[in-house]
Amino acid sequence: MNSPTATHEQRRWPRWLRRGPMEITACIVITAGLVMMLQPLAMVLYTWSFVTTLFGTLLFMVVSKFPE
């Protein structure tokens, strides 16, 4: 049986801000950073690849604490 606190907590978080969709977003950002790092065409993409990968990793660490 669900406790009133758990039900209330789930209602406070919007659906797009829950763990599942945000973890997928973080994984996409990490993948984009890796693709930017490995592509041979544009130096600007390579320059920003580390920052993008780092941001995705930090986002994943924060989002993993969100409720389901």
PDB file of N, CA and C in Angstrom:
ATOM      1  N   MET A   1       0.841  -1.171   0.000  1.00  0.00           N
ATOM      2  CA  MET A   1       0.000   0.000   0.000  1.00  0.00           C
ATOM      3  C   MET A   1       0.894   1.245   0.000  1.00  0.00           C
ATOM      4  N   ASN A   2       0.543   2.197  -0.807  1.00  0.00           N
ATOM      5  CA  ASN A   2       1.345   3.426  -0.913  1.00  0.00           C
ATOM      6  C   ASN A   2       1.094   4.330   0.283  1.00  0.00           C
ATOM      7  N   SER A   3       2.159   4.910   0.754  1.00  0.00           N
ATOM      8  CA  SER A   3       2.009   5.871   1.838  1.00  0.00           C
ATOM      9  C   SER A   3       1.603   7.226   1.259  1.00  0.00           C
ATOM     10  N   PRO A   4       0.948   8.067   2.028  1.00  0.00           N
ATOM     11  CA  PRO A   4       0.542   9.391   1.511  1.00  0.00           C
ATOM     12  C   PRO A   4       1.725  10.243   1.097  1.00  0.00           C
ATOM     13  N   THR A   5       2.857  10.068   1.763  1.00  0.00           N
ATOM     14  CA  THR A   5       4.044  10.859   1.427  1.00  0.00           C
ATOM     15  C   THR A   5       4.559  10.503   0.038  1.00  0.00           C
ATOM     16  N   ALA A   6       4.607   9.209  -0.275  1.00  0.00           N
ATOM     17  CA  ALA A   6       5.105   8.776  -1.588  1.00  0.00           C
ATOM     18  C   ALA A   6       4.178   9.267  -2.699  1.00  0.00           C
ATOM     19  N   THR A   7       2.882   9.197  -2.484  1.00  0.00           N
ATOM     20  CA  THR A   7       1.936   9.648  -3.494  1.00  0.00           C
ATOM     21  C   THR A   7       2.058  11.152  -3.694  1.00  0.00           C
ATOM     22  N   HIS A   8       2.208  11.886  -2.602  1.00  0.00           N
ATOM     23  CA  HIS A   8       2.348  13.339  -2.693  1.00  0.00           C
ATOM     24  C   HIS A   8       3.653  13.715  -3.395  1.00  0.00           C
ATOM     25  N   GLU A   9       4.718  12.975  -3.111  1.00  0.00           N
ATOM     26  CA  GLU A   9       6.017  13.272  -3.735  1.00  0.00           C
ATOM     27  C   GLU A   9       5.966  13.030  -5.238  1.00  0.00           C
ATOM     28  N   GLN A  10       5.283  11.994  -5.672  1.00  0.00           N
ATOM     29  CA  GLN A  10       5.188  11.711  -7.096  1.00  0.00           C
ATOM     30  C   GLN A  10       4.362  12.774  -7.812  1.00  0.00           C
ATOM     31  N   ARG A  11       3.389  13.351  -7.152  1.00  0.00           N
ATOM     32  CA  ARG A  11       2.577  14.379  -7.784  1.00  0.00           C
ATOM     33  C   ARG A  11       3.335  15.689  -7.923  1.00  0.00           C
ATOM     34  N   ARG A  12       4.312  15.939  -7.053  1.00  0.00           N
ATOM     35  CA  ARG A  12       5.048  17.202  -7.112  1.00  0.00           C
ATOM     36  C   ARG A  12       5.984  17.276  -8.310  1.00  0.00           C
ATOM     37  N   TRP A  13       6.558  16.162  -8.740  1.00  0.00           N
ATOM     38  CA  TRP A  13       7.530  16.161  -9.829  1.00  0.00           C
ATOM     39  C   TRP A  13       6.807  16.021 -11.164  1.00  0.00           C
ATOM     40  N   PRO A  14       7.076  16.915 -12.121  1.00  0.00           N
ATOM     41  CA  PRO A  14       6.490  16.735 -13.455  1.00  0.00           C
ATOM     42  C   PRO A  14       7.020  15.455 -14.102  1.00  0.00           C
ATOM     43  N   ARG A  15       6.258  14.910 -15.016  1.00  0.00           N
ATOM     44  CA  ARG A  15       6.628  13.646 -15.645  1.00  0.00           C
ATOM     45  C   ARG A  15       7.960  13.737 -16.389  1.00  0.00           C
ATOM     46  N   TRP A  16       8.257  14.854 -17.050  1.00  0.00           N
ATOM     47  CA  TRP A  16       9.494  14.981 -17.829  1.00  0.00           C
ATOM     48  C   TRP A  16      10.715  15.154 -16.932  1.00  0.00           C
ATOM     49  N   LEU A  17      10.491  15.449 -15.634  1.00  0.00           N
ATOM     50  CA  LEU A  17      11.594  15.690 -14.711  1.00  0.00           C
ATOM     51  C   LEU A  17      11.898  14.456 -13.864  1.00  0.00           C
ATOM     52  N   ARG A  18      11.287  13.339 -14.178  1.00  0.00           N
ATOM     53  CA  ARG A  18      11.549  12.123 -13.421  1.00  0.00           C
ATOM     54  C   ARG A  18      12.816  11.445 -13.906  1.00  0.00           C
ATOM     55  N   ARG A  19      13.251  10.428 -13.186  1.00  0.00           N
ATOM     56  CA  ARG A  19      14.552   9.816 -13.422  1.00  0.00           C
ATOM     57  C   ARG A  19      14.699   9.211 -14.822  1.00  0.00           C
ATOM     58  N   GLY A  20      13.720   8.469 -15.294  1.00  0.00           N
ATOM     59  CA  GLY A  20      13.834   7.769 -16.572  1.00  0.00           C
ATOM     60  C   GLY A  20      14.138   8.687 -17.753  1.00  0.00           C
ATOM     61  N   PRO A  21      13.284   9.658 -18.037  1.00  0.00           N
ATOM     62  CA  PRO A  21      13.540  10.540 -19.178  1.00  0.00           C
ATOM     63  C   PRO A  21      14.812  11.381 -19.030  1.00  0.00           C
ATOM     64  N   MET A  22      15.118  11.796 -17.806  1.00  0.00           N
ATOM     65  CA  MET A  22      16.310  12.623 -17.608  1.00  0.00           C
ATOM     66  C   MET A  22      17.594  11.808 -17.718  1.00  0.00           C
ATOM     67  N   GLU A  23      17.570  10.525 -17.312  1.00  0.00           N
ATOM     68  CA  GLU A  23      18.749   9.675 -17.496  1.00  0.00           C
ATOM     69  C   GLU A  23      19.002   9.439 -18.974  1.00  0.00           C
ATOM     70  N   ILE A  24      17.950   9.268 -19.749  1.00  0.00           N
ATOM     71  CA  ILE A  24      18.107   9.089 -21.192  1.00  0.00           C
ATOM     72  C   ILE A  24      18.696  10.354 -21.805  1.00  0.00           C
ATOM     73  N   THR A  25      18.231  11.514 -21.356  1.00  0.00           N
ATOM     74  CA  THR A  25      18.777  12.784 -21.843  1.00  0.00           C
ATOM     75  C   THR A  25      20.258  12.900 -21.507  1.00  0.00           C
ATOM     76  N   ALA A  26      20.631  12.533 -20.289  1.00  0.00           N
ATOM     77  CA  ALA A  26      22.037  12.590 -19.885  1.00  0.00           C
ATOM     78  C   ALA A  26      22.883  11.643 -20.728  1.00  0.00           C
ATOM     79  N   CYS A  27      22.374  10.463 -21.009  1.00  0.00           N
ATOM     80  CA  CYS A  27      23.113   9.507 -21.854  1.00  0.00           C
ATOM     81  C   CYS A  27      23.278  10.038 -23.274  1.00  0.00           C
ATOM     82  N   ILE A  28      22.277  10.722 -23.776  1.00  0.00           N
ATOM     83  CA  ILE A  28      22.373  11.312 -25.115  1.00  0.00           C
ATOM     84  C   ILE A  28      23.432  12.409 -25.137  1.00  0.00           C
ATOM     85  N   VAL A  29      23.502  13.218 -24.081  1.00  0.00           N
ATOM     86  CA  VAL A  29      24.516  14.281 -24.006  1.00  0.00           C
ATOM     87  C   VAL A  29      25.915  13.676 -23.928  1.00  0.00           C
ATOM     88  N   ILE A  30      26.084  12.616 -23.147  1.00  0.00           N
ATOM     89  CA  ILE A  30      27.380  11.944 -23.063  1.00  0.00           C
ATOM     90  C   ILE A  30      27.772  11.372 -24.418  1.00  0.00           C
ATOM     91  N   THR A  31      26.836  10.731 -25.100  1.00  0.00           N
ATOM     92  CA  THR A  31      27.105  10.163 -26.424  1.00  0.00           C
ATOM     93  C   THR A  31      27.455  11.257 -27.425  1.00  0.00           C
ATOM     94  N   ALA A  32      26.766  12.374 -27.365  1.00  0.00           N
ATOM     95  CA  ALA A  32      27.083  13.492 -28.263  1.00  0.00           C
ATOM     96  C   ALA A  32      28.501  13.995 -28.009  1.00  0.00           C
ATOM     97  N   GLY A  33      28.906  14.072 -26.743  1.00  0.00           N
ATOM     98  CA  GLY A  33      30.259  14.492 -26.420  1.00  0.00           C
ATOM     99  C   GLY A  33      31.307  13.533 -26.970  1.00  0.00           C
ATOM    100  N   LEU A  34      31.039  12.237 -26.876  1.00  0.00           N
ATOM    101  CA  LEU A  34      31.983  11.253 -27.413  1.00  0.00           C
ATOM    102  C   LEU A  34      32.062  11.317 -28.932  1.00  0.00           C
ATOM    103  N   VAL A  35      30.920  11.496 -29.578  1.00  0.00           N
ATOM    104  CA  VAL A  35      30.925  11.626 -31.043  1.00  0.00           C
ATOM    105  C   VAL A  35      31.684  12.881 -31.451  1.00  0.00           C
ATOM    106  N   MET A  36      31.484  13.962 -30.709  1.00  0.00           N
ATOM    107  CA  MET A  36      32.220  15.198 -31.000  1.00  0.00           C
ATOM    108  C   MET A  36      33.726  14.985 -30.836  1.00  0.00           C
ATOM    109  N   MET A  37      34.108  14.179 -29.871  1.00  0.00           N
ATOM    110  CA  MET A  37      35.523  13.945 -29.612  1.00  0.00           C
ATOM    111  C   MET A  37      36.168  13.085 -30.700  1.00  0.00           C
ATOM    112  N   LEU A  38      35.406  12.176 -31.283  1.00  0.00           N
ATOM    113  CA  LEU A  38      35.973  11.219 -32.227  1.00  0.00           C
ATOM    114  C   LEU A  38      35.833  11.622 -33.690  1.00  0.00           C
ATOM    115  N   GLN A  39      35.103  12.685 -33.963  1.00  0.00           N
ATOM    116  CA  GLN A  39      34.920  13.092 -35.360  1.00  0.00           C
ATOM    117  C   GLN A  39      36.169  13.830 -35.862  1.00  0.00           C
ATOM    118  N   PRO A  40      36.524  13.671 -37.137  1.00  0.00           N
ATOM    119  CA  PRO A  40      37.759  14.276 -37.654  1.00  0.00           C
ATOM    120  C   PRO A  40      37.558  15.585 -38.424  1.00  0.00           C
ATOM    121  N   LEU A  41      36.354  16.167 -38.434  1.00  0.00           N
ATOM    122  CA  LEU A  41      36.071  17.253 -39.359  1.00  0.00           C
ATOM    123  C   LEU A  41      36.194  18.657 -38.778  1.00  0.00           C
ATOM    124  N   ALA A  42      35.671  18.899 -37.611  1.00  0.00           N
ATOM    125  CA  ALA A  42      35.593  20.263 -37.089  1.00  0.00           C
ATOM    126  C   ALA A  42      36.329  20.368 -35.750  1.00  0.00           C
ATOM    127  N   MET A  43      37.281  21.259 -35.697  1.00  0.00           N
ATOM    128  CA  MET A  43      38.060  21.455 -34.478  1.00  0.00           C
ATOM    129  C   MET A  43      37.203  22.049 -33.357  1.00  0.00           C
ATOM    130  N   VAL A  44      36.215  22.861 -33.719  1.00  0.00           N
ATOM    131  CA  VAL A  44      35.337  23.467 -32.710  1.00  0.00           C
ATOM    132  C   VAL A  44      34.563  22.386 -31.961  1.00  0.00           C
ATOM    133  N   LEU A  45      34.088  21.366 -32.653  1.00  0.00           N
ATOM    134  CA  LEU A  45      33.381  20.272 -31.989  1.00  0.00           C
ATOM    135  C   LEU A  45      34.317  19.511 -31.056  1.00  0.00           C
ATOM    136  N   TYR A  46      35.537  19.275 -31.517  1.00  0.00           N
ATOM    137  CA  TYR A  46      36.515  18.589 -30.679  1.00  0.00           C
ATOM    138  C   TYR A  46      36.838  19.420 -29.431  1.00  0.00           C
ATOM    139  N   THR A  47      36.915  20.727 -29.595  1.00  0.00           N
ATOM    140  CA  THR A  47      37.230  21.614 -28.477  1.00  0.00           C
ATOM    141  C   THR A  47      36.161  21.542 -27.387  1.00  0.00           C
ATOM    142  N   TRP A  48      34.904  21.481 -27.759  1.00  0.00           N
ATOM    143  CA  TRP A  48      33.807  21.463 -26.797  1.00  0.00           C
ATOM    144  C   TRP A  48      33.415  20.056 -26.356  1.00  0.00           C
ATOM    145  N   SER A  49      34.048  19.037 -26.882  1.00  0.00           N
ATOM    146  CA  SER A  49      33.640  17.662 -26.580  1.00  0.00           C
ATOM    147  C   SER A  49      33.850  17.292 -25.114  1.00  0.00           C
ATOM    148  N   PHE A  50      34.976  17.709 -24.528  1.00  0.00           N
ATOM    149  CA  PHE A  50      35.228  17.364 -23.134  1.00  0.00           C
ATOM    150  C   PHE A  50      34.200  18.024 -22.212  1.00  0.00           C
ATOM    151  N   VAL A  51      33.893  19.277 -22.477  1.00  0.00           N
ATOM    152  CA  VAL A  51      32.906  19.993 -21.651  1.00  0.00           C
ATOM    153  C   VAL A  51      31.535  19.328 -21.776  1.00  0.00           C
ATOM    154  N   THR A  52      31.177  18.928 -22.977  1.00  0.00           N
ATOM    155  CA  THR A  52      29.888  18.284 -23.207  1.00  0.00           C
ATOM    156  C   THR A  52      29.816  16.943 -22.484  1.00  0.00           C
ATOM    157  N   THR A  53      30.876  16.143 -22.583  1.00  0.00           N
ATOM    158  CA  THR A  53      30.902  14.852 -21.905  1.00  0.00           C
ATOM    159  C   THR A  53      30.867  15.037 -20.390  1.00  0.00           C
ATOM    160  N   LEU A  54      31.606  15.999 -19.894  1.00  0.00           N
ATOM    161  CA  LEU A  54      31.611  16.273 -18.458  1.00  0.00           C
ATOM    162  C   LEU A  54      30.237  16.727 -17.980  1.00  0.00           C
ATOM    163  N   PHE A  55      29.586  17.599 -18.735  1.00  0.00           N
ATOM    164  CA  PHE A  55      28.250  18.057 -18.376  1.00  0.00           C
ATOM    165  C   PHE A  55      27.261  16.891 -18.350  1.00  0.00           C
ATOM    166  N   GLY A  56      27.342  16.014 -19.342  1.00  0.00           N
ATOM    167  CA  GLY A  56      26.457  14.852 -19.369  1.00  0.00           C
ATOM    168  C   GLY A  56      26.685  13.929 -18.195  1.00  0.00           C
ATOM    169  N   THR A  57      27.936  13.745 -17.809  1.00  0.00           N
ATOM    170  CA  THR A  57      28.254  12.897 -16.665  1.00  0.00           C
ATOM    171  C   THR A  57      27.733  13.507 -15.366  1.00  0.00           C
ATOM    172  N   LEU A  58      27.945  14.792 -15.185  1.00  0.00           N
ATOM    173  CA  LEU A  58      27.427  15.465 -13.987  1.00  0.00           C
ATOM    174  C   LEU A  58      25.905  15.436 -13.955  1.00  0.00           C
ATOM    175  N   LEU A  59      25.288  15.639 -15.109  1.00  0.00           N
ATOM    176  CA  LEU A  59      23.829  15.579 -15.200  1.00  0.00           C
ATOM    177  C   LEU A  59      23.328  14.191 -14.809  1.00  0.00           C
ATOM    178  N   PHE A  60      24.008  13.154 -15.266  1.00  0.00           N
ATOM    179  CA  PHE A  60      23.602  11.786 -14.927  1.00  0.00           C
ATOM    180  C   PHE A  60      23.729  11.543 -13.429  1.00  0.00           C
ATOM    181  N   MET A  61      24.797  12.065 -12.822  1.00  0.00           N
ATOM    182  CA  MET A  61      24.992  11.867 -11.377  1.00  0.00           C
ATOM    183  C   MET A  61      23.892  12.565 -10.584  1.00  0.00           C
ATOM    184  N   VAL A  62      23.475  13.747 -11.003  1.00  0.00           N
ATOM    185  CA  VAL A  62      22.431  14.479 -10.297  1.00  0.00           C
ATOM    186  C   VAL A  62      21.070  13.815 -10.527  1.00  0.00           C
ATOM    187  N   VAL A  63      20.806  13.448 -11.757  1.00  0.00           N
ATOM    188  CA  VAL A  63      19.500  12.896 -12.126  1.00  0.00           C
ATOM    189  C   VAL A  63      19.279  11.530 -11.476  1.00  0.00           C
ATOM    190  N   SER A  64      20.342  10.797 -11.212  1.00  0.00           N
ATOM    191  CA  SER A  64      20.172   9.484 -10.609  1.00  0.00           C
ATOM    192  C   SER A  64      19.598   9.574  -9.188  1.00  0.00           C
ATOM    193  N   LYS A  65      19.556  10.755  -8.605  1.00  0.00           N
ATOM    194  CA  LYS A  65      18.965  10.959  -7.284  1.00  0.00           C
ATOM    195  C   LYS A  65      17.480  11.337  -7.360  1.00  0.00           C
ATOM    196  N   PHE A  66      16.960  11.597  -8.554  1.00  0.00           N
ATOM    197  CA  PHE A  66      15.562  11.986  -8.730  1.00  0.00           C
ATOM    198  C   PHE A  66      14.637  10.808  -8.435  1.00  0.00           C
ATOM    199  N   PRO A  67      13.383  11.086  -8.061  1.00  0.00           N
ATOM    200  CA  PRO A  67      12.428   9.998  -7.858  1.00  0.00           C
ATOM    201  C   PRO A  67      11.995   9.389  -9.180  1.00  0.00           C
ATOM    202  N   GLU A  68      11.537   8.161  -9.113  1.00  0.00           N
ATOM    203  CA  GLU A  68      11.076   7.485 -10.322  1.00  0.00           C
ATOM    204  C   GLU A  68       9.700   7.929 -10.593  1.00  0.00           C
TER     205      GLU A  68
END
